[in-house]
All heavy atoms as atom14 arrays in JSON, in Angstrom:
{
  "sequence": "AVRMWENKGIIPKTWFRDKFGKRLYTAEQIEAIVHSADVNN",
  "atom14_mask": [
    [1, 1, 1, 1, 1, 0, 0, 0, 0, 0, 0, 0, 0, 0],
    [1, 1, 1, 1, 1, 1, 1, 0, 0, 0, 0, 0, 0, 0],
    [1, 1, 1, 1, 1, 1, 1, 1, 1, 1, 1, 0, 0, 0],
    [1, 1, 1, 1, 1, 1, 1, 1, 0, 0, 0, 0, 0, 0],
    [1, 1, 1, 1, 1, 1, 1, 1, 1, 1, 1, 1, 1, 1],
    [1, 1, 1, 1, 1, 1, 1, 1, 1, 0, 0, 0, 0, 0],
    [1, 1, 1, 1, 1, 1, 1, 1, 0, 0, 0, 0, 0, 0],
    [1, 1, 1, 1, 1, 1, 1, 1, 1, 0, 0, 0, 0, 0],
    [1, 1, 1, 1, 0, 0, 0, 0, 0, 0, 0, 0, 0, 0],
    [1, 1, 1, 1, 1, 1, 1, 1, 0, 0, 0, 0, 0, 0],
    [1, 1, 1, 1, 1, 1, 1, 1, 0, 0, 0, 0, 0, 0],
    [1, 1, 1, 1, 1, 1, 1, 0, 0, 0, 0, 0, 0, 0],
    [1, 1, 1, 1, 1, 1, 1, 1, 1, 0, 0, 0, 0, 0],
    [1, 1, 1, 1, 1, 1, 1, 0, 0, 0, 0, 0, 0, 0],
    [1, 1, 1, 1, 1, 1, 1, 1, 1, 1, 1, 1, 1, 1],
    [1, 1, 1, 1, 1, 1, 1, 1, 1, 1, 1, 0, 0, 0],
    [1, 1, 1, 1, 1, 1, 1, 1, 1, 1, 1, 0, 0, 0],
    [1, 1, 1, 1, 1, 1, 1, 1, 0, 0, 0, 0, 0, 0],
    [1, 1, 1, 1, 1, 1, 1, 1, 1, 0, 0, 0, 0, 0],
    [1, 1, 1, 1, 1, 1, 1, 1, 1, 1, 1, 0, 0, 0],
    [1, 1, 1, 1, 0, 0, 0, 0, 0, 0, 0, 0, 0, 0],
    [1, 1, 1, 1, 1, 1, 1, 1, 1, 0, 0, 0, 0, 0],
    [1, 1, 1, 1, 1, 1, 1, 1, 1, 1, 1, 0, 0, 0],
    [1, 1, 1, 1, 1, 1, 1, 1, 0, 0, 0, 0, 0, 0],
    [1, 1, 1, 1, 1, 1, 1, 1, 1, 1, 1, 1, 0, 0],
    [1, 1, 1, 1, 1, 1, 1, 0, 0, 0, 0, 0, 0, 0],
    [1, 1, 1, 1, 1, 0, 0, 0, 0, 0, 0, 0, 0, 0],
    [1, 1, 1, 1, 1, 1, 1, 1, 1, 0, 0, 0, 0, 0],
    [1, 1, 1, 1, 1, 1, 1, 1, 1, 0, 0, 0, 0, 0],
    [1, 1, 1, 1, 1, 1, 1, 1, 0, 0, 0, 0, 0, 0],
    [1, 1, 1, 1, 1, 1, 1, 1, 1, 0, 0, 0, 0, 0],
    [1, 1, 1, 1, 1, 0, 0, 0, 0, 0, 0, 0, 0, 0],
    [1, 1, 1, 1, 1, 1, 1, 1, 0, 0, 0, 0, 0, 0],
    [1, 1, 1, 1, 1, 1, 1, 0, 0, 0, 0, 0, 0, 0],
    [1, 1, 1, 1, 1, 1, 1, 1, 1, 1, 0, 0, 0, 0],
    [1, 1, 1, 1, 1, 1, 0, 0, 0, 0, 0, 0, 0, 0],
    [1, 1, 1, 1, 1, 0, 0, 0, 0, 0, 0, 0, 0, 0],
    [1, 1, 1, 1, 1, 1, 1, 1, 0, 0, 0, 0, 0, 0],
    [1, 1, 1, 1, 1, 1, 1, 0, 0, 0, 0, 0, 0, 0],
    [1, 1, 1, 1, 1, 1, 1, 1, 0, 0, 0, 0, 0, 0],
    [1, 1, 1, 1, 1, 1, 1, 1, 0, 0, 0, 0, 0, 0]
  ],
  "atom14_positions": [
    [[0.33, -13.11, 4.21], [-0.42, -12.88, 2.97], [0.39, -12.02, 2.0], [0.45, -12.32, 0.8], [-1.75, -12.2, 3.27], [0.0, 0.0, 0.0], [0.0, 0.0, 0.0], [0.0, 0.0, 0.0], [0.0, 0.0, 0.0], [0.0, 0.0, 0.0], [0.0, 0.0, 0.0], [0.0, 0.0, 0.0], [0.0, 0.0, 0.0], [0.0, 0.0, 0.0]],
    [[1.04, -10.99, 2.51], [1.84, -10.11, 1.64], [3.02, -10.88, 1.05], [3.32, -10.76, -0.14], [2.31, -8.85, 2.4], [3.21, -8.0, 1.52], [1.1, -8.03, 2.86], [0.0, 0.0, 0.0], [0.0, 0.0, 0.0], [0.0, 0.0, 0.0], [0.0, 0.0, 0.0], [0.0, 0.0, 0.0], [0.0, 0.0, 0.0], [0.0, 0.0, 0.0]],
    [[3.69, -11.71, 1.87], [4.8, -12.53, 1.35], [4.3, -13.48, 0.27], [4.95, -13.68, -0.75], [5.45, -13.33, 2.48], [6.39, -12.56, 3.32], [7.15, -13.48, 4.29], [7.5, -12.72, 5.46], [6.82, -12.69, 6.59], [5.74, -13.43, 6.74], [7.22, -11.94, 7.59], [0.0, 0.0, 0.0], [0.0, 0.0, 0.0], [0.0, 0.0, 0.0]],
    [[3.12, -14.07, 0.49], [2.54, -14.98, -0.5], [2.28, -14.24, -1.81], [2.59, -14.74, -2.88], [1.25, -15.6, 0.03], [0.61, -16.59, -0.95], [-1.13, -16.89, -0.62], [-1.84, -15.29, -0.89], [0.0, 0.0, 0.0], [0.0, 0.0, 0.0], [0.0, 0.0, 0.0], [0.0, 0.0, 0.0], [0.0, 0.0, 0.0], [0.0, 0.0, 0.0]],
    [[1.7, -13.03, -1.71], [1.45, -12.24, -2.93], [2.75, -11.99, -3.67], [2.8, -12.09, -4.89], [0.81, -10.9, -2.57], [-0.62, -10.95, -2.16], [-1.44, -12.04, -2.1], [-1.4, -9.84, -1.75], [-2.7, -11.66, -1.67], [-2.7, -10.31, -1.45], [-1.14, -8.48, -1.59], [-3.73, -9.48, -1.02], [-2.16, -7.66, -1.17], [-3.44, -8.15, -0.88]],
    [[3.79, -11.68, -2.93], [5.08, -11.41, -3.58], [5.64, -12.69, -4.2], [6.09, -12.67, -5.36], [6.07, -10.83, -2.57], [7.33, -10.31, -3.25], [8.33, -9.74, -2.27], [8.16, -8.59, -1.86], [9.29, -10.45, -1.95], [0.0, 0.0, 0.0], [0.0, 0.0, 0.0], [0.0, 0.0, 0.0], [0.0, 0.0, 0.0], [0.0, 0.0, 0.0]],
    [[5.6, -13.78, -3.47], [6.13, -15.05, -3.99], [5.37, -15.54, -5.21], [5.95, -16.17, -6.1], [6.13, -16.12, -2.9], [7.16, -15.85, -1.83], [8.17, -15.19, -2.06], [6.9, -16.34, -0.62], [0.0, 0.0, 0.0], [0.0, 0.0, 0.0], [0.0, 0.0, 0.0], [0.0, 0.0, 0.0], [0.0, 0.0, 0.0], [0.0, 0.0, 0.0]],
    [[4.06, -15.26, -5.28], [3.25, -15.67, -6.43], [3.31, -14.66, -7.57], [2.72, -14.88, -8.61], [1.79, -15.86, -6.01], [1.56, -17.09, -5.16], [0.09, -17.27, -4.86], [-0.16, -18.6, -4.21], [-1.59, -18.89, -4.05], [0.0, 0.0, 0.0], [0.0, 0.0, 0.0], [0.0, 0.0, 0.0], [0.0, 0.0, 0.0], [0.0, 0.0, 0.0]],
    [[4.01, -13.53, -7.36], [4.12, -12.53, -8.41], [2.92, -11.6, -8.5], [2.81, -10.83, -9.46], [0.0, 0.0, 0.0], [0.0, 0.0, 0.0], [0.0, 0.0, 0.0], [0.0, 0.0, 0.0], [0.0, 0.0, 0.0], [0.0, 0.0, 0.0], [0.0, 0.0, 0.0], [0.0, 0.0, 0.0], [0.0, 0.0, 0.0], [0.0, 0.0, 0.0]],
    [[2.02, -11.67, -7.55], [0.86, -10.78, -7.56], [1.31, -9.33, -7.37], [0.84, -8.43, -8.05], [-0.18, -11.2, -6.49], [-0.75, -12.57, -6.86], [-1.28, -10.15, -6.35], [-1.54, -13.24, -5.75], [0.0, 0.0, 0.0], [0.0, 0.0, 0.0], [0.0, 0.0, 0.0], [0.0, 0.0, 0.0], [0.0, 0.0, 0.0], [0.0, 0.0, 0.0]],
    [[2.23, -9.14, -6.42], [2.88, -7.84, -6.29], [4.36, -8.05, -6.61], [4.88, -9.16, -6.43], [2.71, -7.21, -4.88], [3.34, -8.08, -3.8], [1.24, -6.92, -4.6], [3.37, -7.43, -2.42], [0.0, 0.0, 0.0], [0.0, 0.0, 0.0], [0.0, 0.0, 0.0], [0.0, 0.0, 0.0], [0.0, 0.0, 0.0], [0.0, 0.0, 0.0]],
    [[5.03, -7.03, -7.12], [6.45, -7.19, -7.46], [7.3, -7.42, -6.21], [6.95, -6.97, -5.12], [6.82, -5.85, -8.1], [5.54, -5.15, -8.36], [4.53, -5.71, -7.42], [0.0, 0.0, 0.0], [0.0, 0.0, 0.0], [0.0, 0.0, 0.0], [0.0, 0.0, 0.0], [0.0, 0.0, 0.0], [0.0, 0.0, 0.0], [0.0, 0.0, 0.0]],
    [[8.41, -8.1, -6.4], [9.37, -8.26, -5.31], [9.99, -6.91, -5.01], [10.28, -6.14, -5.9], [10.47, -9.24, -5.69], [9.99, -10.67, -5.82], [11.15, -11.62, -6.05], [10.68, -13.03, -6.27], [10.1, -13.66, -5.12], [0.0, 0.0, 0.0], [0.0, 0.0, 0.0], [0.0, 0.0, 0.0], [0.0, 0.0, 0.0], [0.0, 0.0, 0.0]],
    [[10.15, -6.61, -3.74], [10.81, -5.38, -3.35], [12.31, -5.52, -3.66], [12.85, -6.63, -3.67], [10.59, -5.04, -1.87], [11.2, -3.8, -1.58], [11.12, -6.12, -0.95], [0.0, 0.0, 0.0], [0.0, 0.0, 0.0], [0.0, 0.0, 0.0], [0.0, 0.0, 0.0], [0.0, 0.0, 0.0], [0.0, 0.0, 0.0], [0.0, 0.0, 0.0]],
    [[12.95, -4.41, -3.9], [14.37, -4.42, -4.25], [15.26, -4.33, -3.03], [16.47, -4.41, -3.14], [14.7, -3.24, -5.18], [13.72, -3.08, -6.28], [13.47, -3.98, -7.29], [12.84, -1.99, -6.5], [12.48, -3.49, -8.1], [12.08, -2.26, -7.64], [12.61, -0.78, -5.83], [11.11, -1.39, -8.14], [11.65, 0.07, -6.32], [10.92, -0.23, -7.46]],
    [[14.66, -4.16, -1.87], [15.44, -3.88, -0.68], [15.23, -4.95, 0.39], [14.11, -5.42, 0.59], [15.04, -2.51, -0.1], [15.07, -1.42, -1.13], [13.89, -0.91, -1.64], [16.27, -0.91, -1.6], [13.9, 0.1, -2.6], [16.29, 0.09, -2.56], [15.1, 0.6, -3.06], [0.0, 0.0, 0.0], [0.0, 0.0, 0.0], [0.0, 0.0, 0.0]],
    [[16.32, -5.29, 1.08], [16.3, -6.23, 2.2], [17.26, -5.7, 3.26], [18.23, -5.03, 2.95], [16.77, -7.62, 1.77], [15.98, -8.26, 0.65], [14.84, -9.04, 1.18], [14.06, -9.66, 0.11], [13.39, -10.76, 0.26], [13.41, -11.39, 1.41], [12.67, -11.24, -0.72], [0.0, 0.0, 0.0], [0.0, 0.0, 0.0], [0.0, 0.0, 0.0]],
    [[16.97, -6.05, 4.51], [17.93, -5.69, 5.56], [19.02, -6.76, 5.62], [19.01, -7.71, 4.82], [17.24, -5.45, 6.91], [16.72, -6.71, 7.58], [16.96, -7.84, 7.08], [16.08, -6.58, 8.64], [0.0, 0.0, 0.0], [0.0, 0.0, 0.0], [0.0, 0.0, 0.0], [0.0, 0.0, 0.0], [0.0, 0.0, 0.0], [0.0, 0.0, 0.0]],
    [[19.95, -6.62, 6.54], [21.07, -7.56, 6.59], [20.64, -8.97, 6.97], [21.4, -9.92, 6.8], [22.15, -7.05, 7.55], [21.74, -6.98, 8.99], [22.86, -6.41, 9.85], [22.43, -6.32, 11.3], [23.48, -5.72, 12.12], [0.0, 0.0, 0.0], [0.0, 0.0, 0.0], [0.0, 0.0, 0.0], [0.0, 0.0, 0.0], [0.0, 0.0, 0.0]],
    [[19.42, -9.13, 7.46], [18.89, -10.44, 7.81], [17.99, -11.01, 6.71], [17.38, -12.06, 6.87], [18.12, -10.38, 9.13], [18.96, -9.85, 10.26], [18.75, -8.58, 10.75], [19.97, -10.63, 10.82], [19.53, -8.08, 11.78], [20.75, -10.14, 11.84], [20.54, -8.87, 12.33], [0.0, 0.0, 0.0], [0.0, 0.0, 0.0], [0.0, 0.0, 0.0]],
    [[17.85, -10.27, 5.61], [17.03, -10.72, 4.49], [15.57, -10.34, 4.59], [14.75, -10.77, 3.78], [0.0, 0.0, 0.0], [0.0, 0.0, 0.0], [0.0, 0.0, 0.0], [0.0, 0.0, 0.0], [0.0, 0.0, 0.0], [0.0, 0.0, 0.0], [0.0, 0.0, 0.0], [0.0, 0.0, 0.0], [0.0, 0.0, 0.0], [0.0, 0.0, 0.0]],
    [[15.22, -9.52, 5.58], [13.82, -9.11, 5.74], [13.46, -8.05, 4.7], [14.24, -7.15, 4.44], [13.57, -8.59, 7.15], [13.71, -9.67, 8.19], [13.37, -9.17, 9.55], [13.49, -10.32, 10.54], [12.88, -10.01, 11.81], [0.0, 0.0, 0.0], [0.0, 0.0, 0.0], [0.0, 0.0, 0.0], [0.0, 0.0, 0.0], [0.0, 0.0, 0.0]],
    [[12.26, -8.17, 4.15], [11.81, -7.26, 3.1], [11.65, -5.83, 3.64], [11.12, -5.62, 4.72], [10.46, -7.72, 2.56], [10.51, -9.02, 1.78], [9.1, -9.59, 1.64], [9.04, -10.75, 0.78], [9.33, -11.98, 1.18], [9.7, -12.22, 2.41], [9.25, -12.99, 0.33], [0.0, 0.0, 0.0], [0.0, 0.0, 0.0], [0.0, 0.0, 0.0]],
    [[12.08, -4.88, 2.79], [11.93, -3.46, 3.09], [11.32, -2.78, 1.88], [11.64, -3.11, 0.74], [13.3, -2.84, 3.4], [13.99, -3.31, 4.67], [15.46, -2.92, 4.66], [13.3, -2.72, 5.89], [0.0, 0.0, 0.0], [0.0, 0.0, 0.0], [0.0, 0.0, 0.0], [0.0, 0.0, 0.0], [0.0, 0.0, 0.0], [0.0, 0.0, 0.0]],
    [[10.45, -1.81, 2.14], [9.75, -1.1, 1.07], [9.89, 0.41, 1.29], [9.82, 0.88, 2.41], [8.25, -1.43, 1.09], [7.93, -2.89, 0.91], [7.97, -3.77, 1.98], [7.59, -3.38, -0.35], [7.67, -5.12, 1.81], [7.29, -4.73, -0.52], [7.34, -5.59, 0.56], [7.05, -6.91, 0.38], [0.0, 0.0, 0.0], [0.0, 0.0, 0.0]],
    [[10.02, 1.15, 0.19], [9.99, 2.6, 0.3], [8.54, 3.02, 0.56], [7.6, 2.25, 0.29], [10.48, 3.29, -0.98], [9.56, 3.02, -2.04], [11.88, 2.85, -1.38], [0.0, 0.0, 0.0], [0.0, 0.0, 0.0], [0.0, 0.0, 0.0], [0.0, 0.0, 0.0], [0.0, 0.0, 0.0], [0.0, 0.0, 0.0], [0.0, 0.0, 0.0]],
    [[8.38, 4.24, 1.05], [7.02, 4.76, 1.25], [6.27, 4.78, -0.07], [5.06, 4.5, -0.11], [7.08, 6.16, 1.86], [0.0, 0.0, 0.0], [0.0, 0.0, 0.0], [0.0, 0.0, 0.0], [0.0, 0.0, 0.0], [0.0, 0.0, 0.0], [0.0, 0.0, 0.0], [0.0, 0.0, 0.0], [0.0, 0.0, 0.0], [0.0, 0.0, 0.0]],
    [[6.99, 5.05, -1.15], [6.33, 5.1, -2.47], [5.87, 3.71, -2.93], [4.83, 3.59, -3.56], [7.28, 5.71, -3.5], [7.5, 7.18, -3.28], [8.61, 7.73, -4.14], [9.73, 7.16, -4.12], [8.36, 8.72, -4.85], [0.0, 0.0, 0.0], [0.0, 0.0, 0.0], [0.0, 0.0, 0.0], [0.0, 0.0, 0.0], [0.0, 0.0, 0.0]],
    [[6.65, 2.68, -2.62], [6.22, 1.32, -2.96], [4.96, 0.96, -2.17], [4.02, 0.4, -2.73], [7.33, 0.31, -2.64], [8.49, 0.33, -3.61], [9.58, -0.62, -3.17], [10.1, -0.5, -2.05], [9.94, -1.55, -4.03], [0.0, 0.0, 0.0], [0.0, 0.0, 0.0], [0.0, 0.0, 0.0], [0.0, 0.0, 0.0], [0.0, 0.0, 0.0]],
    [[4.98, 1.29, -0.89], [3.8, 1.01, -0.05], [2.59, 1.76, -0.58], [1.51, 1.19, -0.74], [4.09, 1.36, 1.42], [5.12, 0.38, 1.99], [2.8, 1.34, 2.25], [5.64, 0.73, 3.37], [0.0, 0.0, 0.0], [0.0, 0.0, 0.0], [0.0, 0.0, 0.0], [0.0, 0.0, 0.0], [0.0, 0.0, 0.0], [0.0, 0.0, 0.0]],
    [[2.8, 3.04, -0.87], [1.72, 3.87, -1.41], [1.15, 3.26, -2.69], [-0.07, 3.23, -2.89], [2.25, 5.27, -1.75], [1.69, 6.37, -0.93], [2.35, 7.69, -1.31], [2.17, 8.15, -2.46], [3.04, 8.24, -0.44], [0.0, 0.0, 0.0], [0.0, 0.0, 0.0], [0.0, 0.0, 0.0], [0.0, 0.0, 0.0], [0.0, 0.0, 0.0]],
    [[2.02, 2.81, -3.58], [1.59, 2.25, -4.87], [0.74, 1.0, -4.66], [-0.31, 0.85, -5.29], [2.8, 1.93, -5.74], [0.0, 0.0, 0.0], [0.0, 0.0, 0.0], [0.0, 0.0, 0.0], [0.0, 0.0, 0.0], [0.0, 0.0, 0.0], [0.0, 0.0, 0.0], [0.0, 0.0, 0.0], [0.0, 0.0, 0.0], [0.0, 0.0, 0.0]],
    [[1.17, 0.12, -3.76], [0.42, -1.11, -3.52], [-0.92, -0.8, -2.86], [-1.97, -1.33, -3.26], [1.25, -2.1, -2.68], [2.47, -2.56, -3.49], [0.4, -3.3, -2.25], [3.5, -3.33, -2.68], [0.0, 0.0, 0.0], [0.0, 0.0, 0.0], [0.0, 0.0, 0.0], [0.0, 0.0, 0.0], [0.0, 0.0, 0.0], [0.0, 0.0, 0.0]],
    [[-0.9, 0.07, -1.85], [-2.14, 0.42, -1.15], [-3.1, 1.13, -2.09], [-4.31, 0.84, -2.1], [-1.82, 1.28, 0.1], [-3.09, 1.85, 0.72], [-1.05, 0.45, 1.13], [0.0, 0.0, 0.0], [0.0, 0.0, 0.0], [0.0, 0.0, 0.0], [0.0, 0.0, 0.0], [0.0, 0.0, 0.0], [0.0, 0.0, 0.0], [0.0, 0.0, 0.0]],
    [[-2.58, 2.04, -2.92], [-3.42, 2.75, -3.89], [-4.05, 1.75, -4.86], [-5.25, 1.82, -5.15], [-2.61, 3.8, -4.64], [-3.39, 4.5, -5.69], [-4.36, 5.45, -5.42], [-3.37, 4.38, -7.05], [-4.89, 5.87, -6.54], [-4.32, 5.24, -7.55], [0.0, 0.0, 0.0], [0.0, 0.0, 0.0], [0.0, 0.0, 0.0], [0.0, 0.0, 0.0]],
    [[-3.26, 0.81, -5.36], [-3.78, -0.2, -6.29], [-4.86, -1.05, -5.61], [-5.87, -1.39, -6.24], [-2.65, -1.11, -6.79], [-1.73, -0.36, -7.54], [0.0, 0.0, 0.0], [0.0, 0.0, 0.0], [0.0, 0.0, 0.0], [0.0, 0.0, 0.0], [0.0, 0.0, 0.0], [0.0, 0.0, 0.0], [0.0, 0.0, 0.0], [0.0, 0.0, 0.0]],
    [[-4.65, -1.38, -4.34], [-5.66, -2.15, -3.6], [-6.95, -1.35, -3.46], [-8.04, -1.9, -3.64], [-5.11, -2.54, -2.23], [0.0, 0.0, 0.0], [0.0, 0.0, 0.0], [0.0, 0.0, 0.0], [0.0, 0.0, 0.0], [0.0, 0.0, 0.0], [0.0, 0.0, 0.0], [0.0, 0.0, 0.0], [0.0, 0.0, 0.0], [0.0, 0.0, 0.0]],
    [[-6.81, -0.05, -3.18], [-8.0, 0.8, -3.04], [-8.74, 0.93, -4.37], [-9.96, 0.76, -4.43], [-7.61, 2.2, -2.53], [-7.23, 2.21, -1.06], [-7.54, 1.23, -0.34], [-6.6, 3.19, -0.63], [0.0, 0.0, 0.0], [0.0, 0.0, 0.0], [0.0, 0.0, 0.0], [0.0, 0.0, 0.0], [0.0, 0.0, 0.0], [0.0, 0.0, 0.0]],
    [[-8.01, 1.24, -5.42], [-8.61, 1.44, -6.75], [-9.33, 0.18, -7.22], [-10.39, 0.25, -7.83], [-7.53, 1.86, -7.78], [-8.04, 1.76, -9.2], [-7.05, 3.27, -7.49], [0.0, 0.0, 0.0], [0.0, 0.0, 0.0], [0.0, 0.0, 0.0], [0.0, 0.0, 0.0], [0.0, 0.0, 0.0], [0.0, 0.0, 0.0], [0.0, 0.0, 0.0]],
    [[-8.73, -0.98, -6.91], [-9.3, -2.25, -7.36], [-10.22, -2.9, -6.33], [-10.67, -4.03, -6.52], [-8.17, -3.21, -7.74], [-7.51, -2.79, -9.03], [-8.07, -2.97, -10.1], [-6.34, -2.18, -8.93], [0.0, 0.0, 0.0], [0.0, 0.0, 0.0], [0.0, 0.0, 0.0], [0.0, 0.0, 0.0], [0.0, 0.0, 0.0], [0.0, 0.0, 0.0]],
    [[-10.5, -2.16, -5.25], [-11.43, -2.61, -4.22], [-11.08, -4.0, -3.69], [-11.94, -4.88, -3.59], [-12.87, -2.58, -4.77], [-13.89, -2.59, -3.66], [-13.61, -2.2, -2.53], [-15.08, -3.07, -3.98], [0.0, 0.0, 0.0], [0.0, 0.0, 0.0], [0.0, 0.0, 0.0], [0.0, 0.0, 0.0], [0.0, 0.0, 0.0], [0.0, 0.0, 0.0]]
  ]
}
């Protein structure tokens, strides 16, 4: 679901990937998305 949201542009693409191309997020990015989800119920 999170990958789908990113691919559809619902959430921004993360700027970070590991050497295998797996998505990585800073704690602040996670906080921002979770906070937005909470605020918007």
